[in-house]
N, C-alpha and C. Protein backbone atom coordinates (compact mmCIF):
# COMPACT_ATOMS: atom_id res chain seq x y z
N MET A 1 0.87 9.61 0.74
CA MET A 1 0.18 9.01 -0.22
C MET A 1 -1.40 9.54 0.24
N LYS A 2 -1.77 10.26 -0.37
CA LYS A 2 -3.76 10.50 0.44
C LYS A 2 -4.56 10.13 -0.38
N ALA A 3 -5.62 10.39 -0.18
CA ALA A 3 -6.80 9.61 -0.58
C ALA A 3 -7.22 10.12 -1.51
N THR A 4 -7.84 11.80 -1.65
CA THR A 4 -8.05 11.85 -2.84
C THR A 4 -7.17 11.86 -4.13
N ASP A 5 -5.50 11.90 -3.78
CA ASP A 5 -5.17 11.63 -4.93
C ASP A 5 -4.91 10.10 -5.29
N LEU A 6 -5.39 9.29 -5.10
CA LEU A 6 -5.86 7.94 -5.49
C LEU A 6 -7.03 7.96 -5.74
N ARG A 7 -8.03 9.04 -5.43
CA ARG A 7 -9.22 8.85 -6.45
C ARG A 7 -9.08 9.05 -7.50
N GLY A 8 -8.35 9.77 -7.73
CA GLY A 8 -8.18 10.40 -9.59
C GLY A 8 -7.81 9.04 -10.38
N LYS A 9 -6.98 7.96 -9.74
CA LYS A 9 -6.19 7.10 -10.79
C LYS A 9 -7.46 6.25 -10.85
N SER A 10 -7.16 5.34 -11.87
CA SER A 10 -7.70 3.87 -12.70
C SER A 10 -7.58 2.86 -11.69
N LYS A 11 -8.30 2.12 -12.15
CA LYS A 11 -8.28 0.77 -11.24
C LYS A 11 -7.00 0.33 -11.76
N ASP A 12 -6.67 0.12 -13.27
CA ASP A 12 -5.29 -0.74 -13.30
C ASP A 12 -4.00 0.29 -12.28
N GLU A 13 -3.91 1.53 -12.46
CA GLU A 13 -3.15 2.24 -11.37
C GLU A 13 -3.04 2.00 -10.24
N LEU A 14 -4.64 1.47 -9.81
CA LEU A 14 -4.33 0.98 -8.45
C LEU A 14 -3.69 -0.05 -8.32
N ARG A 15 -4.46 -1.06 -8.72
CA ARG A 15 -3.90 -2.46 -8.63
C ARG A 15 -2.71 -2.54 -8.54
N ASP A 16 -1.84 -1.85 -9.48
CA ASP A 16 -0.02 -1.28 -9.93
C ASP A 16 0.08 -1.05 -8.30
N GLU A 17 -0.33 -0.11 -7.81
CA GLU A 17 0.33 0.76 -6.85
C GLU A 17 0.24 -0.19 -5.20
N LEU A 18 -0.74 -0.86 -5.58
CA LEU A 18 -1.21 -1.99 -4.41
C LEU A 18 -0.42 -3.67 -4.53
N GLU A 19 0.41 -3.53 -5.79
CA GLU A 19 1.27 -4.79 -6.11
C GLU A 19 2.53 -3.62 -4.73
N GLY A 20 2.86 -2.84 -5.93
CA GLY A 20 4.02 -2.72 -5.59
C GLY A 20 4.14 -2.35 -3.68
N LEU A 21 3.09 -1.51 -3.23
CA LEU A 21 3.13 -1.86 -1.71
C LEU A 21 3.39 -3.75 -1.44
N LYS A 22 2.64 -4.11 -1.71
CA LYS A 22 2.34 -5.87 -1.31
C LYS A 22 3.87 -5.57 -1.27
N LYS A 23 4.75 -5.61 -2.31
CA LYS A 23 6.03 -6.48 -2.63
C LYS A 23 6.75 -5.73 -1.48
N GLU A 24 6.44 -4.66 -1.48
CA GLU A 24 7.56 -3.36 -0.24
C GLU A 24 7.50 -4.11 1.03
N GLN A 25 6.19 -4.35 1.24
CA GLN A 25 5.85 -4.59 2.43
C GLN A 25 6.18 -5.91 3.09
N PHE A 26 6.69 -7.02 1.94
CA PHE A 26 6.94 -8.24 2.20
C PHE A 26 8.84 -8.21 2.59
N ASN A 27 9.69 -7.38 1.56
CA ASN A 27 10.87 -6.55 2.02
C ASN A 27 10.56 -5.78 3.37
N LEU A 28 10.12 -5.16 3.47
CA LEU A 28 10.24 -4.80 4.69
C LEU A 28 10.14 -5.65 6.23
N ARG A 29 9.29 -6.50 5.84
CA ARG A 29 8.90 -7.78 6.72
C ARG A 29 10.14 -8.69 7.18
N PHE A 30 10.72 -9.01 5.94
CA PHE A 30 12.34 -9.82 5.78
C PHE A 30 13.14 -9.05 6.58
N GLN A 31 13.39 -7.98 6.02
CA GLN A 31 14.38 -7.14 6.81
C GLN A 31 14.08 -6.77 8.36
N ALA A 32 12.67 -6.34 8.94
CA ALA A 32 12.75 -6.41 10.57
C ALA A 32 13.40 -8.28 10.73
N ALA A 33 12.84 -8.94 10.35
CA ALA A 33 12.70 -10.09 10.72
C ALA A 33 14.66 -11.04 11.02
N SER A 34 15.15 -10.61 9.68
CA SER A 34 16.70 -10.48 9.68
C SER A 34 17.36 -9.43 10.76
N GLY A 35 17.06 -8.37 11.24
CA GLY A 35 17.09 -7.02 11.77
C GLY A 35 17.85 -5.91 11.01
N GLN A 36 17.69 -6.12 9.86
CA GLN A 36 18.41 -5.20 9.11
C GLN A 36 17.23 -3.51 9.16
N LEU A 37 16.31 -3.83 9.51
CA LEU A 37 14.66 -2.40 9.15
C LEU A 37 15.78 -1.45 9.96
N GLU A 38 15.64 -0.58 9.37
CA GLU A 38 16.58 1.28 9.75
C GLU A 38 15.19 1.87 9.86
N ASN A 39 13.76 1.73 9.25
CA ASN A 39 13.17 3.08 8.82
C ASN A 39 12.10 1.34 9.34
N THR A 40 11.39 1.93 10.72
CA THR A 40 10.19 0.73 11.30
C THR A 40 9.11 1.52 10.71
N ALA A 41 9.50 3.13 10.75
CA ALA A 41 7.53 3.76 10.65
C ALA A 41 7.33 3.12 9.31
N ARG A 42 8.26 2.66 8.69
CA ARG A 42 7.41 2.56 7.35
C ARG A 42 6.54 1.13 6.97
N VAL A 43 6.69 0.60 8.09
CA VAL A 43 6.22 -0.18 7.99
C VAL A 43 4.81 -0.30 7.86
N ARG A 44 4.38 0.13 8.92
CA ARG A 44 2.68 1.25 9.57
C ARG A 44 2.14 1.55 8.54
N GLN A 45 3.20 3.23 7.55
CA GLN A 45 2.75 3.78 5.93
C GLN A 45 2.11 2.96 5.15
N VAL A 46 3.47 1.95 5.22
CA VAL A 46 2.62 1.09 4.05
C VAL A 46 1.96 0.32 4.11
N ARG A 47 1.49 -0.60 4.96
CA ARG A 47 0.29 -0.88 5.80
C ARG A 47 -1.07 -0.28 5.98
N ARG A 48 -1.58 0.99 5.21
CA ARG A 48 -2.31 1.77 5.79
C ARG A 48 -2.23 2.08 4.79
N ASP A 49 -1.20 2.54 4.00
CA ASP A 49 -1.43 2.97 1.62
C ASP A 49 -2.60 1.36 0.91
N ILE A 50 -2.32 0.49 2.59
CA ILE A 50 -2.55 -1.05 1.32
C ILE A 50 -4.08 -0.26 1.72
N ALA A 51 -4.17 -0.45 2.62
CA ALA A 51 -5.97 0.21 3.61
C ALA A 51 -6.38 0.47 2.81
N ARG A 52 -5.94 1.91 2.04
CA ARG A 52 -6.66 2.63 1.73
C ARG A 52 -6.89 2.77 0.36
N ILE A 53 -5.98 2.18 -0.28
CA ILE A 53 -5.72 1.31 -1.93
C ILE A 53 -7.08 0.72 -1.67
N GLN A 54 -6.88 -0.27 -0.56
CA GLN A 54 -8.17 -1.96 -0.95
C GLN A 54 -9.28 -1.14 -0.65
N THR A 55 -9.86 0.07 0.37
CA THR A 55 -10.96 0.71 0.86
C THR A 55 -11.59 1.83 -0.85
N ILE A 56 -10.57 2.05 -1.78
CA ILE A 56 -11.01 2.32 -2.50
C ILE A 56 -11.32 1.83 -3.71
N ILE A 57 -11.03 0.93 -3.76
CA ILE A 57 -11.21 -0.17 -4.86
C ILE A 57 -12.44 -0.56 -4.73
N ALA A 58 -12.64 -1.03 -3.26
CA ALA A 58 -13.99 -1.87 -2.59
C ALA A 58 -14.98 -0.11 -2.81
N GLU A 59 -15.01 0.55 -2.83
CA GLU A 59 -16.06 1.60 -3.02
C GLU A 59 -16.16 1.87 -4.53
N SER A 60 -15.28 2.19 -5.67
CA SER A 60 -15.68 1.78 -7.03
C SER A 60 -16.21 0.50 -7.57
N ALA A 61 -16.50 -0.51 -6.39
CA ALA A 61 -16.80 -1.56 -7.12
C ALA A 61 -17.80 -1.54 -6.74
N GLU A 62 -18.82 -0.88 -5.73
CA GLU A 62 -20.04 -0.87 -5.41
C GLU A 62 -20.28 0.51 -6.30
N ALA A 63 -19.59 1.76 -7.40
CA ALA A 63 -20.48 2.27 -7.49
C ALA A 63 -20.84 1.70 -9.08
C-alpha cells in the first residue's frame, strides 16, 4: 500500500482501512503467540501500513 494511493481516498475510506488493519494486526499477534504464524513479515507490513494511514489522517486534519 502506497501513500499516494491512500491520499486519494476519503477520510471514511481511510478509517475503514485502518479498522481492518487493526483487526488483522490483532489476529497476527494471536497467531504469533500460539505459534501458528507463517508469514512473519506481514506483522511489520501491517504495522507500517497502520502508521502510514494514521499519518495521512493527521495531515488532512491539519489542513
